[in-house]
PDB file of N, CA and C in Angstrom:
ATOM      1  N   MET A   1     104.493 112.192 100.741  1.00  0.00           N
ATOM      2  CA  MET A   1     103.108 111.731 100.637  1.00  0.00           C
ATOM      3  C   MET A   1     103.220 111.481  99.275  1.00  0.00           C
ATOM      4  N   VAL A   2     103.807 111.863  98.397  1.00  0.00           N
ATOM      5  CA  VAL A   2     103.446 111.857  97.015  1.00  0.00           C
ATOM      6  C   VAL A   2     103.793 110.468  96.706  1.00  0.00           C
ATOM      7  N   VAL A   3     105.163 110.496  97.004  1.00  0.00           N
ATOM      8  CA  VAL A   3     106.010 109.213  96.775  1.00  0.00           C
ATOM      9  C   VAL A   3     105.237 108.025  97.153  1.00  0.00           C
ATOM     10  N   TRP A   4     104.917 107.970  98.249  1.00  0.00           N
ATOM     11  CA  TRP A   4     104.049 107.007  98.973  1.00  0.00           C
ATOM     12  C   TRP A   4     102.852 106.721  98.272  1.00  0.00           C
ATOM     13  N   LEU A   5     102.237 107.592  97.673  1.00  0.00           N
ATOM     14  CA  LEU A   5     101.055 107.316  96.985  1.00  0.00           C
ATOM     15  C   LEU A   5     101.292 106.629  95.643  1.00  0.00           C
ATOM     16  N   LEU A   6     102.474 106.929  95.099  1.00  0.00           N
ATOM     17  CA  LEU A   6     102.695 106.466  94.111  1.00  0.00           C
ATOM     18  C   LEU A   6     103.556 104.671  94.050  1.00  0.00           C
ATOM     19  N   MET A   7     104.034 104.596  95.285  1.00  0.00           N
ATOM     20  CA  MET A   7     104.653 103.330  95.490  1.00  0.00           C
ATOM     21  C   MET A   7     103.226 102.442  95.713  1.00  0.00           C
ATOM     22  N   CYS A   8     102.061 102.974  96.631  1.00  0.00           N
ATOM     23  CA  CYS A   8     101.361 102.397  96.545  1.00  0.00           C
ATOM     24  C   CYS A   8     100.150 101.973  95.521  1.00  0.00           C
ATOM     25  N   ARG A   9     100.029 102.932  94.631  1.00  0.00           N
ATOM     26  CA  ARG A   9      99.616 102.584  93.466  1.00  0.00           C
ATOM     27  C   ARG A   9     100.141 101.598  92.448  1.00  0.00           C
ATOM     28  N   SER A  10     101.679 101.377  92.611  1.00  0.00           N
ATOM     29  CA  SER A  10     102.400 100.565  91.553  1.00  0.00           C
ATOM     30  C   SER A  10     102.432  99.340  92.567  1.00  0.00           C
ATOM     31  N   GLN A  11     102.426  99.158  93.982  1.00  0.00           N
ATOM     32  CA  GLN A  11     102.263  97.791  94.656  1.00  0.00           C
ATOM     33  C   GLN A  11     101.125  96.889  94.333  1.00  0.00           C
ATOM     34  N   GLU A  12     101.368  95.776  94.144  1.00  0.00           N
ATOM     35  CA  GLU A  12     100.256  94.870  93.961  1.00  0.00           C
ATOM     36  C   GLU A  12      98.836  94.955  93.158  1.00  0.00           C
ATOM     37  N   PRO A  13      99.589  95.228  91.606  1.00  0.00           N
ATOM     38  CA  PRO A  13      98.462  95.747  90.995  1.00  0.00           C
ATOM     39  C   PRO A  13      97.248  94.715  90.879  1.00  0.00           C
ATOM     40  N   HIS A  14      97.507  93.609  91.162  1.00  0.00           N
ATOM     41  CA  HIS A  14      96.270  92.348  90.890  1.00  0.00           C
ATOM     42  C   HIS A  14      95.544  92.672  91.896  1.00  0.00           C
ATOM     43  N   ALA A  15      96.106  93.386  93.072  1.00  0.00           N
ATOM     44  CA  ALA A  15      95.280  93.411  94.405  1.00  0.00           C
ATOM     45  C   ALA A  15      94.326  94.903  94.437  1.00  0.00           C
ATOM     46  N   TYR A  16      94.232  95.577  93.200  1.00  0.00           N
ATOM     47  CA  TYR A  16      93.635  96.598  93.077  1.00  0.00           C
ATOM     48  C   TYR A  16      92.415  96.731  93.512  1.00  0.00           C
ATOM     49  N   LYS A  17      91.339  97.400  94.240  1.00  0.00           N
ATOM     50  CA  LYS A  17      90.057  97.765  94.557  1.00  0.00           C
ATOM     51  C   LYS A  17      89.655  99.055  94.525  1.00  0.00           C
ATOM     52  N   LYS A  18      88.586  99.214  94.094  1.00  0.00           N
ATOM     53  CA  LYS A  18      88.502 100.406  93.907  1.00  0.00           C
ATOM     54  C   LYS A  18      87.286 100.833  94.805  1.00  0.00           C
ATOM     55  N   TYR A  19      87.465 101.921  96.134  1.00  0.00           N
ATOM     56  CA  TYR A  19      86.628 102.092  97.015  1.00  0.00           C
ATOM     57  C   TYR A  19      85.790 103.274  96.727  1.00  0.00           C
ATOM     58  N   CYS A  20      86.587 104.294  95.994  1.00  0.00           N
ATOM     59  CA  CYS A  20      85.975 105.562  95.543  1.00  0.00           C
ATOM     60  C   CYS A  20      86.312 105.746  94.116  1.00  0.00           C
ATOM     61  N   GLU A  21      85.672 106.991  93.688  1.00  0.00           N
ATOM     62  CA  GLU A  21      86.153 107.400  92.613  1.00  0.00           C
ATOM     63  C   GLU A  21      87.802 108.293  92.430  1.00  0.00           C
ATOM     64  N   ASN A  22      88.051 108.715  93.362  1.00  0.00           N
ATOM     65  CA  ASN A  22      89.060 109.621  93.712  1.00  0.00           C
ATOM     66  C   ASN A  22      90.465 108.785  94.033  1.00  0.00           C
ATOM     67  N   THR A  23      91.426 108.756  92.814  1.00  0.00           N
ATOM     68  CA  THR A  23      92.528 107.951  92.967  1.00  0.00           C
ATOM     69  C   THR A  23      93.212 107.923  94.222  1.00  0.00           C
ATOM     70  N   THR A  24      93.595 109.385  94.403  1.00  0.00           N
ATOM     71  CA  THR A  24      94.507 109.550  95.372  1.00  0.00           C
ATOM     72  C   THR A  24      93.773 109.097  96.868  1.00  0.00           C
ATOM     73  N   VAL A  25      92.603 109.233  96.945  1.00  0.00           N
ATOM     74  CA  VAL A  25      92.166 108.679  98.592  1.00  0.00           C
ATOM     75  C   VAL A  25      92.233 107.311  98.182  1.00  0.00           C
ATOM     76  N   ASN A  26      91.679 106.831  97.056  1.00  0.00           N
ATOM     77  CA  ASN A  26      91.536 104.979  97.024  1.00  0.00           C
ATOM     78  C   ASN A  26      92.937 104.866  97.406  1.00  0.00           C
ATOM     79  N   ALA A  27      93.546 105.385  96.712  1.00  0.00           N
ATOM     80  CA  ALA A  27      95.309 104.723  97.193  1.00  0.00           C
ATOM     81  C   ALA A  27      95.670 104.477  98.291  1.00  0.00           C
ATOM     82  N   ALA A  28      95.052 105.543  99.066  1.00  0.00           N
ATOM     83  CA  ALA A  28      95.202 105.766 100.539  1.00  0.00           C
ATOM     84  C   ALA A  28      94.305 104.316 101.470  1.00  0.00           C
ATOM     85  N   ILE A  29      93.292 104.586 100.951  1.00  0.00           N
ATOM     86  CA  ILE A  29      92.188 103.680 101.661  1.00  0.00           C
ATOM     87  C   ILE A  29      92.805 102.061 101.555  1.00  0.00           C
ATOM     88  N   MET A  30      93.206 101.874 100.318  1.00  0.00           N
ATOM     89  CA  MET A  30      93.744 100.426  99.699  1.00  0.00           C
ATOM     90  C   MET A  30      94.820 100.265 100.855  1.00  0.00           C
ATOM     91  N   HIS A  31      95.798 101.114 100.889  1.00  0.00           N
ATOM     92  CA  HIS A  31      97.067 100.864 101.699  1.00  0.00           C
ATOM     93  C   HIS A  31      96.562 100.510 103.127  1.00  0.00           C
ATOM     94  N   TYR A  32      96.028 101.130 103.805  1.00  0.00           N
ATOM     95  CA  TYR A  32      95.383 101.075 104.894  1.00  0.00           C
ATOM     96  C   TYR A  32      94.430  99.935 105.490  1.00  0.00           C
ATOM     97  N   VAL A  33      93.366  99.664 104.290  1.00  0.00           N
ATOM     98  CA  VAL A  33      93.044  98.358 104.483  1.00  0.00           C
ATOM     99  C   VAL A  33      93.659  97.316 104.229  1.00  0.00           C
ATOM    100  N   THR A  34      94.603  97.136 103.508  1.00  0.00           N
ATOM    101  CA  THR A  34      95.656  96.117 103.374  1.00  0.00           C
ATOM    102  C   THR A  34      96.496  96.031 104.827  1.00  0.00           C
ATOM    103  N   MET A  35      96.813  97.145 105.315  1.00  0.00           N
ATOM    104  CA  MET A  35      97.543  96.873 106.687  1.00  0.00           C
ATOM    105  C   MET A  35      96.625  96.536 107.689  1.00  0.00           C
ATOM    106  N   ALA A  36      95.318  96.787 107.564  1.00  0.00           N
ATOM    107  CA  ALA A  36      94.223  96.317 108.856  1.00  0.00           C
ATOM    108  C   ALA A  36      94.523  94.552 108.660  1.00  0.00           C
ATOM    109  N   GLU A  37      93.885  94.355 107.212  1.00  0.00           N
ATOM    110  CA  GLU A  37      93.636  92.862 107.187  1.00  0.00           C
ATOM    111  C   GLU A  37      95.116  92.061 107.442  1.00  0.00           C
ATOM    112  N   ARG A  38      96.038  92.577 107.051  1.00  0.00           N
ATOM    113  CA  ARG A  38      97.322  91.768 107.558  1.00  0.00           C
ATOM    114  C   ARG A  38      97.326  91.881 109.110  1.00  0.00           C
ATOM    115  N   ASN A  39      96.830  92.459 109.641  1.00  0.00           N
ATOM    116  CA  ASN A  39      97.099  92.456 111.223  1.00  0.00           C
ATOM    117  C   ASN A  39      95.425  92.085 112.069  1.00  0.00           C
ATOM    118  N   ASP A  40      94.670  91.357 111.279  1.00  0.00           N
ATOM    119  CA  ASP A  40      93.404  90.468 111.591  1.00  0.00           C
ATOM    120  C   ASP A  40      92.637  91.317 112.023  1.00  0.00           C
ATOM    121  N   ILE A  41      92.319  92.312 111.487  1.00  0.00           N
ATOM    122  CA  ILE A  41      91.380  93.379 111.719  1.00  0.00           C
ATOM    123  C   ILE A  41      90.363  93.487 110.597  1.00  0.00           C
ATOM    124  N   LYS A  42      88.987  93.381 111.095  1.00  0.00           N
ATOM    125  CA  LYS A  42      88.200  93.534 109.969  1.00  0.00           C
ATOM    126  C   LYS A  42      87.672  94.824 109.474  1.00  0.00           C
ATOM    127  N   VAL A  43      87.626  94.924 108.101  1.00  0.00           N
ATOM    128  CA  VAL A  43      87.116  96.408 107.606  1.00  0.00           C
ATOM    129  C   VAL A  43      86.217  96.401 106.752  1.00  0.00           C
ATOM    130  N   THR A  44      85.412  97.302 106.801  1.00  0.00           N
ATOM    131  CA  THR A  44      84.226  97.423 106.241  1.00  0.00           C
ATOM    132  C   THR A  44      84.357  99.080 105.407  1.00  0.00           C
ATOM    133  N   VAL A  45      84.299  99.144 104.186  1.00  0.00           N
ATOM    134  CA  VAL A  45      84.591 100.683 103.753  1.00  0.00           C
ATOM    135  C   VAL A  45      83.337 101.086 102.720  1.00  0.00           C
ATOM    136  N   SER A  46      83.114 101.964 103.212  1.00  0.00           N
ATOM    137  CA  SER A  46      81.783 102.654 102.289  1.00  0.00           C
ATOM    138  C   SER A  46      82.256 104.231 102.101  1.00  0.00           C
ATOM    139  N   ALA A  47      82.868 104.503 100.658  1.00  0.00           N
ATOM    140  CA  ALA A  47      83.597 105.479 100.611  1.00  0.00           C
ATOM    141  C   ALA A  47      83.052 106.310  99.257  1.00  0.00           C
ATOM    142  N   ASN A  48      82.191 107.294  99.554  1.00  0.00           N
ATOM    143  CA  ASN A  48      81.540 108.119  98.553  1.00  0.00           C
ATOM    144  C   ASN A  48      82.459 109.601  98.196  1.00  0.00           C
ATOM    145  N   ILE A  49      83.275 109.182  97.398  1.00  0.00           N
ATOM    146  CA  ILE A  49      84.514 110.508  97.229  1.00  0.00           C
ATOM    147  C   ILE A  49      84.742 110.539  95.636  1.00  0.00           C
ATOM    148  N   PRO A  50      83.984 111.569  95.009  1.00  0.00           N
ATOM    149  CA  PRO A  50      84.144 111.541  93.797  1.00  0.00           C
ATOM    150  C   PRO A  50      85.394 111.858  93.128  1.00  0.00           C
ATOM    151  N   TYR A  51      85.446 111.913  91.943  1.00  0.00           N
ATOM    152  CA  TYR A  51      86.733 112.089  91.000  1.00  0.00           C
ATOM    153  C   TYR A  51      87.354 113.464  91.427  1.00  0.00           C
ATOM    154  N   ASN A  52      86.613 114.536  91.441  1.00  0.00           N
ATOM    155  CA  ASN A  52      87.010 116.020  91.500  1.00  0.00           C
ATOM    156  C   ASN A  52      86.127 116.045  92.917  1.00  0.00           C
ATOM    157  N   THR A  53      86.818 116.409  93.897  1.00  0.00           N
ATOM    158  CA  THR A  53      86.429 116.844  95.078  1.00  0.00           C
ATOM    159  C   THR A  53      85.945 118.394  95.451  1.00  0.00           C
ATOM    160  N   GLY A  54      86.604 119.360  94.465  1.00  0.00           N
ATOM    161  CA  GLY A  54      86.805 120.563  94.651  1.00  0.00           C
ATOM    162  C   GLY A  54      87.536 120.897  96.125  1.00  0.00           C
ATOM    163  N   ALA A  55      88.343 119.741  96.317  1.00  0.00           N
ATOM    164  CA  ALA A  55      89.115 120.229  98.043  1.00  0.00           C
ATOM    165  C   ALA A  55      90.476 119.637  97.144  1.00  0.00           C
ATOM    166  N   ASP A  56      91.416 120.007  98.095  1.00  0.00           N
ATOM    167  CA  ASP A  56      92.778 119.611  97.885  1.00  0.00           C
ATOM    168  C   ASP A  56      92.997 117.883  98.070  1.00  0.00           C
ATOM    169  N   GLU A  57      92.915 117.254  97.132  1.00  0.00           N
ATOM    170  CA  GLU A  57      92.845 115.824  97.335  1.00  0.00           C
ATOM    171  C   GLU A  57      93.826 114.953  98.161  1.00  0.00           C
ATOM    172  N   MET A  58      95.411 115.852  98.034  1.00  0.00           N
ATOM    173  CA  MET A  58      96.179 115.088  98.951  1.00  0.00           C
ATOM    174  C   MET A  58      95.977 115.329 100.462  1.00  0.00           C
ATOM    175  N   GLN A  59      95.392 116.727 100.698  1.00  0.00           N
ATOM    176  CA  GLN A  59      95.000 117.079 102.074  1.00  0.00           C
ATOM    177  C   GLN A  59      93.948 115.921 102.532  1.00  0.00           C
ATOM    178  N   LEU A  60      93.000 115.608 101.612  1.00  0.00           N
ATOM    179  CA  LEU A  60      91.653 114.871 102.148  1.00  0.00           C
ATOM    180  C   LEU A  60      92.419 113.190 102.198  1.00  0.00           C
ATOM    181  N   ALA A  61      93.434 112.765 101.379  1.00  0.00           N
ATOM    182  CA  ALA A  61      94.029 111.543 101.572  1.00  0.00           C
ATOM    183  C   ALA A  61      94.699 111.545 102.925  1.00  0.00           C
ATOM    184  N   ILE A  62      95.347 112.735 103.000  1.00  0.00           N
ATOM    185  CA  ILE A  62      96.209 112.550 104.552  1.00  0.00           C
ATOM    186  C   ILE A  62      95.393 112.596 105.545  1.00  0.00           C
ATOM    187  N   ALA A  63      94.228 113.448 105.763  1.00  0.00           N
ATOM    188  CA  ALA A  63      93.253 113.193 106.638  1.00  0.00           C
ATOM    189  C   ALA A  63      92.666 111.777 106.873  1.00  0.00           C
ATOM    190  N   ILE A  64      92.116 111.336 105.584  1.00  0.00           N
ATOM    191  CA  ILE A  64      91.552 109.935 105.772  1.00  0.00           C
ATOM    192  C   ILE A  64      92.717 108.931 106.144  1.00  0.00           C
ATOM    193  N   SER A  65      94.466 108.976 105.637  1.00  0.00           N
ATOM    194  CA  SER A  65      95.000 108.452 105.916  1.00  0.00           C
ATOM    195  C   SER A  65      95.415 108.479 107.512  1.00  0.00           C
ATOM    196  N   ASN A  66      95.366 109.490 108.251  1.00  0.00           N
ATOM    197  CA  ASN A  66      95.497 109.557 109.529  1.00  0.00           C
ATOM    198  C   ASN A  66      94.262 108.688 110.208  1.00  0.00           C
ATOM    199  N   LEU A  67      93.406 108.807 109.717  1.00  0.00           N
ATOM    200  CA  LEU A  67      92.175 108.593 110.573  1.00  0.00           C
ATOM    201  C   LEU A  67      92.069 106.844 110.733  1.00  0.00           C
ATOM    202  N   LEU A  68      92.491 106.721 109.319  1.00  0.00           N
ATOM    203  CA  LEU A  68      92.629 104.952 109.317  1.00  0.00           C
ATOM    204  C   LEU A  68      93.827 104.581 109.984  1.00  0.00           C
ATOM    205  N   GLU A  69      95.013 104.934 109.924  1.00  0.00           N
ATOM    206  CA  GLU A  69      96.168 104.498 110.767  1.00  0.00           C
ATOM    207  C   GLU A  69      95.757 104.937 112.440  1.00  0.00           C
ATOM    208  N   ASN A  70      95.249 105.629 112.909  1.00  0.00           N
ATOM    209  CA  ASN A  70      94.459 105.657 114.090  1.00  0.00           C
ATOM    210  C   ASN A  70      93.731 104.765 114.403  1.00  0.00           C
ATOM    211  N   ALA A  71      92.993 104.222 113.774  1.00  0.00           N
ATOM    212  CA  ALA A  71      91.809 103.163 113.949  1.00  0.00           C
ATOM    213  C   ALA A  71      92.700 101.881 114.170  1.00  0.00           C
ATOM    214  N   ILE A  72      93.294 101.767 113.260  1.00  0.00           N
ATOM    215  CA  ILE A  72      94.515 100.447 112.998  1.00  0.00           C
ATOM    216  C   ILE A  72      94.961 100.422 114.510  1.00  0.00           C
ATOM    217  N   HIS A  73      95.786 101.178 114.932  1.00  0.00           N
ATOM    218  CA  HIS A  73      96.403 101.381 116.051  1.00  0.00           C
ATOM    219  C   HIS A  73      95.507 101.136 117.379  1.00  0.00           C
ATOM    220  N   ALA A  74      94.623 101.696 117.244  1.00  0.00           N
ATOM    221  CA  ALA A  74      93.691 101.252 118.347  1.00  0.00           C
ATOM    222  C   ALA A  74      93.097  99.881 118.140  1.00  0.00           C
ATOM    223  N   CYS A  75      92.819  99.271 117.276  1.00  0.00           N
ATOM    224  CA  CYS A  75      92.497  97.814 117.373  1.00  0.00           C
ATOM    225  C   CYS A  75      93.641  96.795 117.702  1.00  0.00           C
ATOM    226  N   GLU A  76      95.149  97.436 117.073  1.00  0.00           N
ATOM    227  CA  GLU A  76      95.759  96.487 117.846  1.00  0.00           C
ATOM    228  C   GLU A  76      95.910  96.529 119.191  1.00  0.00           C
ATOM    229  N   LYS A  77      95.633  97.364 119.826  1.00  0.00           N
ATOM    230  CA  LYS A  77      95.578  97.109 121.615  1.00  0.00           C
ATOM    231  C   LYS A  77      94.613  96.246 121.720  1.00  0.00           C
ATOM    232  N   VAL A  78      93.626  96.059 121.300  1.00  0.00           N
ATOM    233  CA  VAL A  78      92.522  95.134 121.605  1.00  0.00           C
ATOM    234  C   VAL A  78      93.289  93.786 121.700  1.00  0.00           C
ATOM    235  N   GLN A  79      93.220  93.338 122.645  1.00  0.00           N
ATOM    236  CA  GLN A  79      93.639  91.543 122.767  1.00  0.00           C
ATOM    237  C   GLN A  79      92.960  90.597 122.118  1.00  0.00           C
ATOM    238  N   GLU A  80      91.660  90.810 121.962  1.00  0.00           N
ATOM    239  CA  GLU A  80      90.902  89.492 121.548  1.00  0.00           C
ATOM    240  C   GLU A  80      90.625  89.817 119.817  1.00  0.00           C
ATOM    241  N   ALA A  81      91.800  89.196 119.045  1.00  0.00           N
ATOM    242  CA  ALA A  81      91.473  89.098 117.665  1.00  0.00           C
ATOM    243  C   ALA A  81      90.267  89.240 117.385  1.00  0.00           C
ATOM    244  N   ALA A  82      89.169  88.330 117.631  1.00  0.00           N
ATOM    245  CA  ALA A  82      87.895  88.617 117.176  1.00  0.00           C
ATOM    246  C   ALA A  82      86.741  89.909 117.563  1.00  0.00           C
ATOM    247  N   ASN A  83      87.562  90.631 118.708  1.00  0.00           N
ATOM    248  CA  ASN A  83      86.732  92.022 118.696  1.00  0.00           C
ATOM    249  C   ASN A  83      87.453  93.257 118.013  1.00  0.00           C
ATOM    250  N   ARG A  84      88.550  92.657 117.099  1.00  0.00           N
ATOM    251  CA  ARG A  84      89.016  93.933 116.297  1.00  0.00           C
ATOM    252  C   ARG A  84      87.849  94.271 115.256  1.00  0.00           C
TER     253      ARG A  84
END
């Protein structure tokens, strides 16, 4: 997971978008938003996650990643692209 997050941070620096203050979680969100958009899935993000969460940020990033990945897989099953 750490390697993936570092890769995500180093990919396409011109495409960086700040969704939240926590850099680890932000990297995960950026990755999955990019994946969704490449699959013509509309995405709206509202993430109020501070720099210091008081929790294990890797575990939080993994949980959010799993949620976003599951949502993408569900949207990919929708035949009509306009309904994604």
